[in-house]
C-alpha cells in the first residue's frame, strides 16, 4: 500500500475543502440566496461564508448544520456524491439554456467578486424588465 506524502495529503484536503465550499455555494445560488441572506439566517459572518465557499476555511459540523438549516436542506446533502449535479440535471435545461450557462461559467471565472455581483444585478434588472 502506497503512502501519501505530506504535500499530497494537503492537496487532498484542499480539494475536499473546495468541494464542500462549491457545494454550499451551489445550493445557496440554487435557492436564490445571497451570502448576506445566509448571514442573517445563521449569524455567520458573510466574510466567513465567502472563505468557506472559496475553499480557504473548513467549516465545523455545527457550522455546516447551521448552513444546511438556513438552506432548508438536510445536512447529509452536503456529503452526497455529486448531489448538486444530479439536481441540476433533474431541472432538465434546454440545449439553449445549457449553452448559455456554459458560456456564462466560462467567462465569469476571470471576474472578481465585485464584478460578479454587478453582473448578477444587471441580469436581475434585465429579467425584471423583460417582456415575455
C-alpha atoms as a PDB file:
ATOM      1  CA  UNK A   1       0.000   0.000   0.000  1.00  0.00           C
ATOM      2  CA  UNK A   2       1.495   3.331  -1.077  1.00  0.00           C
ATOM      3  CA  UNK A   3       1.555   6.136   1.491  1.00  0.00           C
ATOM      4  CA  UNK A   4       0.824   9.743   0.575  1.00  0.00           C
ATOM      5  CA  UNK A   5       3.422  12.414   1.249  1.00  0.00           C
ATOM      6  CA  UNK A   6       2.506  15.379   3.441  1.00  0.00           C
ATOM      7  CA  UNK A   7       2.243  17.531   0.327  1.00  0.00           C
ATOM      8  CA  UNK A   8      -0.141  15.057  -1.329  1.00  0.00           C
ATOM      9  CA  UNK A   9      -2.244  14.879   1.846  1.00  0.00           C
ATOM     10  CA  UNK A  10      -2.526  18.680   1.897  1.00  0.00           C
ATOM     11  CA  UNK A  11      -3.621  18.595  -1.726  1.00  0.00           C
ATOM     12  CA  UNK A  12      -6.350  16.054  -0.983  1.00  0.00           C
ATOM     13  CA  UNK A  13      -7.585  18.114   1.997  1.00  0.00           C
ATOM     14  CA  UNK A  14      -7.621  21.273  -0.137  1.00  0.00           C
ATOM     15  CA  UNK A  15      -9.726  19.554  -2.819  1.00  0.00           C
ATOM     16  CA  UNK A  16     -12.218  18.357  -0.199  1.00  0.00           C
ATOM     17  CA  UNK A  17     -12.408  21.859   1.307  1.00  0.00           C
ATOM     18  CA  UNK A  18     -13.033  23.375  -2.097  1.00  0.00           C
ATOM     19  CA  UNK A  19     -15.676  20.764  -2.875  1.00  0.00           C
ATOM     20  CA  UNK A  20     -17.732  21.464   0.252  1.00  0.00           C
ATOM     21  CA  UNK A  21     -17.437  25.186  -0.444  1.00  0.00           C
ATOM     22  CA  UNK A  22     -18.540  24.740  -4.048  1.00  0.00           C
ATOM     23  CA  UNK A  23     -21.412  22.546  -2.880  1.00  0.00           C
ATOM     24  CA  UNK A  24     -22.554  25.174  -0.371  1.00  0.00           C
ATOM     25  CA  UNK A  25     -22.328  27.923  -2.992  1.00  0.00           C
ATOM     26  CA  UNK A  26     -24.245  25.776  -5.472  1.00  0.00           C
ATOM     27  CA  UNK A  27     -27.127  25.157  -3.093  1.00  0.00           C
ATOM     28  CA  UNK A  28     -27.139  28.798  -1.980  1.00  0.00           C
ATOM     29  CA  UNK A  29     -27.373  30.051  -5.552  1.00  0.00           C
ATOM     30  CA  UNK A  30     -29.891  27.373  -6.477  1.00  0.00           C
ATOM     31  CA  UNK A  31     -32.131  28.628  -3.647  1.00  0.00           C
ATOM     32  CA  UNK A  32     -31.588  32.238  -4.768  1.00  0.00           C
ATOM     33  CA  UNK A  33     -29.883  33.312  -1.533  1.00  0.00           C
ATOM     34  CA  UNK A  34     -27.038  35.781  -1.203  1.00  0.00           C
ATOM     35  CA  UNK A  35     -24.270  35.351   1.331  1.00  0.00           C
ATOM     36  CA  UNK A  36     -25.980  38.155   3.241  1.00  0.00           C
ATOM     37  CA  UNK A  37     -29.191  36.116   3.393  1.00  0.00           C
ATOM     38  CA  UNK A  38     -27.279  33.182   4.880  1.00  0.00           C
ATOM     39  CA  UNK A  39     -25.553  35.564   7.299  1.00  0.00           C
ATOM     40  CA  UNK A  40     -28.951  36.749   8.564  1.00  0.00           C
ATOM     41  CA  UNK A  41     -30.304  33.199   8.874  1.00  0.00           C
ATOM     42  CA  UNK A  42     -27.251  31.725  10.633  1.00  0.00           C
ATOM     43  CA  UNK A  43     -25.427  34.556  12.357  1.00  0.00           C
ATOM     44  CA  UNK A  44     -22.262  33.555  10.476  1.00  0.00           C
ATOM     45  CA  UNK A  45     -20.353  36.476   9.003  1.00  0.00           C
ATOM     46  CA  UNK A  46     -20.561  36.994   5.264  1.00  0.00           C
ATOM     47  CA  UNK A  47     -16.749  37.105   5.016  1.00  0.00           C
ATOM     48  CA  UNK A  48     -16.601  33.705   6.757  1.00  0.00           C
ATOM     49  CA  UNK A  49     -19.117  32.249   4.285  1.00  0.00           C
ATOM     50  CA  UNK A  50     -17.007  33.601   1.442  1.00  0.00           C
ATOM     51  CA  UNK A  51     -13.894  31.922   2.851  1.00  0.00           C
ATOM     52  CA  UNK A  52     -15.774  28.623   3.159  1.00  0.00           C
ATOM     53  CA  UNK A  53     -17.183  28.831  -0.365  1.00  0.00           C
ATOM     54  CA  UNK A  54     -13.764  29.654  -1.798  1.00  0.00           C
ATOM     55  CA  UNK A  55     -12.101  26.726  -0.010  1.00  0.00           C
ATOM     56  CA  UNK A  56      -9.990  28.788   2.402  1.00  0.00           C
ATOM     57  CA  UNK A  57     -11.740  27.573   5.567  1.00  0.00           C
ATOM     58  CA  UNK A  58     -13.182  24.238   6.623  1.00  0.00           C
ATOM     59  CA  UNK A  59     -16.471  24.672   8.497  1.00  0.00           C
ATOM     60  CA  UNK A  60     -17.174  22.580  11.589  1.00  0.00           C
ATOM     61  CA  UNK A  61     -20.036  20.110  11.586  1.00  0.00           C
ATOM     62  CA  UNK A  62     -22.071  22.507  13.760  1.00  0.00           C
ATOM     63  CA  UNK A  63     -21.478  25.292  11.242  1.00  0.00           C
ATOM     64  CA  UNK A  64     -22.470  23.023   8.362  1.00  0.00           C
ATOM     65  CA  UNK A  65     -25.657  22.185  10.258  1.00  0.00           C
ATOM     66  CA  UNK A  66     -26.474  25.910  10.580  1.00  0.00           C
ATOM     67  CA  UNK A  67     -25.868  26.449   6.877  1.00  0.00           C
ATOM     68  CA  UNK A  68     -27.953  23.403   5.942  1.00  0.00           C
ATOM     69  CA  UNK A  69     -30.823  24.651   8.094  1.00  0.00           C
ATOM     70  CA  UNK A  70     -30.593  28.107   6.502  1.00  0.00           C
ATOM     71  CA  UNK A  71     -30.741  26.498   3.058  1.00  0.00           C
ATOM     72  CA  UNK A  72     -33.579  24.210   4.166  1.00  0.00           C
ATOM     73  CA  UNK A  73     -31.721  21.057   3.148  1.00  0.00           C
ATOM     74  CA  UNK A  74     -30.663  18.031   5.201  1.00  0.00           C
ATOM     75  CA  UNK A  75     -27.082  18.139   6.476  1.00  0.00           C
ATOM     76  CA  UNK A  76     -26.367  14.864   4.675  1.00  0.00           C
ATOM     77  CA  UNK A  77     -26.966  16.619   1.345  1.00  0.00           C
ATOM     78  CA  UNK A  78     -23.530  18.251   1.626  1.00  0.00           C
ATOM     79  CA  UNK A  79     -21.930  14.835   1.637  1.00  0.00           C
ATOM     80  CA  UNK A  80     -23.946  13.213  -1.150  1.00  0.00           C
ATOM     81  CA  UNK A  81     -21.635  12.475  -4.063  1.00  0.00           C
ATOM     82  CA  UNK A  82     -22.443  14.746  -6.983  1.00  0.00           C
ATOM     83  CA  UNK A  83     -25.800  15.617  -5.418  1.00  0.00           C
ATOM     84  CA  UNK A  84     -25.891  19.083  -6.897  1.00  0.00           C
ATOM     85  CA  UNK A  85     -25.034  17.795 -10.368  1.00  0.00           C
ATOM     86  CA  UNK A  86     -27.926  15.339 -10.170  1.00  0.00           C
ATOM     87  CA  UNK A  87     -30.316  18.119  -9.160  1.00  0.00           C
ATOM     88  CA  UNK A  88     -29.099  20.349 -11.963  1.00  0.00           C
ATOM     89  CA  UNK A  89     -29.732  17.550 -14.463  1.00  0.00           C
ATOM     90  CA  UNK A  90     -33.160  16.960 -12.923  1.00  0.00           C
ATOM     91  CA  UNK A  91     -34.089  20.539 -13.830  1.00  0.00           C
ATOM     92  CA  UNK A  92     -33.897  19.474 -17.491  1.00  0.00           C
ATOM     93  CA  UNK A  93     -32.334  22.529 -19.052  1.00  0.00           C
ATOM     94  CA  UNK A  94     -32.910  23.076 -22.737  1.00  0.00           C
ATOM     95  CA  UNK A  95     -29.954  22.908 -25.104  1.00  0.00           C
ATOM     96  CA  UNK A  96     -30.035  26.705 -25.476  1.00  0.00           C
ATOM     97  CA  UNK A  97     -30.131  27.258 -21.673  1.00  0.00           C
ATOM     98  CA  UNK A  98     -27.271  24.844 -21.155  1.00  0.00           C
ATOM     99  CA  UNK A  99     -25.174  26.554 -23.853  1.00  0.00           C
ATOM    100  CA  UNK A 100     -25.897  29.974 -22.337  1.00  0.00           C
ATOM    101  CA  UNK A 101     -24.996  28.882 -18.792  1.00  0.00           C
ATOM    102  CA  UNK A 102     -21.835  27.187 -20.043  1.00  0.00           C
ATOM    103  CA  UNK A 103     -20.747  30.438 -21.673  1.00  0.00           C
ATOM    104  CA  UNK A 104     -21.513  32.419 -18.524  1.00  0.00           C
ATOM    105  CA  UNK A 105     -19.492  29.948 -16.483  1.00  0.00           C
ATOM    106  CA  UNK A 106     -16.560  30.075 -18.902  1.00  0.00           C
ATOM    107  CA  UNK A 107     -16.358  33.870 -18.982  1.00  0.00           C
ATOM    108  CA  UNK A 108     -17.180  34.535 -15.338  1.00  0.00           C
ATOM    109  CA  UNK A 109     -14.234  32.571 -13.952  1.00  0.00           C
ATOM    110  CA  UNK A 110     -11.975  35.592 -14.503  1.00  0.00           C
ATOM    111  CA  UNK A 111     -14.314  38.039 -12.749  1.00  0.00           C
ATOM    112  CA  UNK A 112     -13.689  39.218  -9.228  1.00  0.00           C
ATOM    113  CA  UNK A 113     -16.440  39.130  -6.607  1.00  0.00           C
ATOM    114  CA  UNK A 114     -17.418  42.747  -7.161  1.00  0.00           C
ATOM    115  CA  UNK A 115     -17.787  42.269 -10.923  1.00  0.00           C
ATOM    116  CA  UNK A 116     -19.840  39.099 -10.392  1.00  0.00           C
ATOM    117  CA  UNK A 117     -22.221  40.983  -8.110  1.00  0.00           C
ATOM    118  CA  UNK A 118     -22.537  43.748 -10.699  1.00  0.00           C
ATOM    119  CA  UNK A 119     -23.225  41.229 -13.466  1.00  0.00           C
ATOM    120  CA  UNK A 120     -25.851  39.458 -11.353  1.00  0.00           C
ATOM    121  CA  UNK A 121     -27.545  42.787 -10.540  1.00  0.00           C
ATOM    122  CA  UNK A 122     -27.652  43.615 -14.260  1.00  0.00           C
ATOM    123  CA  UNK A 123     -29.144  40.216 -15.121  1.00  0.00           C
ATOM    124  CA  UNK A 124     -31.798  40.640 -12.422  1.00  0.00           C
ATOM    125  CA  UNK A 125     -32.673  44.084 -13.760  1.00  0.00           C
ATOM    126  CA  UNK A 126     -32.924  42.795 -17.341  1.00  0.00           C
ATOM    127  CA  UNK A 127     -35.075  39.883 -16.193  1.00  0.00           C
ATOM    128  CA  UNK A 128     -37.408  42.173 -14.238  1.00  0.00           C
ATOM    129  CA  UNK A 129     -37.981  44.448 -17.232  1.00  0.00           C
ATOM    130  CA  UNK A 130     -38.076  41.745 -19.929  1.00  0.00           C
ATOM    131  CA  UNK A 131     -41.228  41.408 -21.970  1.00  0.00           C
ATOM    132  CA  UNK A 132     -42.407  37.814 -22.044  1.00  0.00           C
END
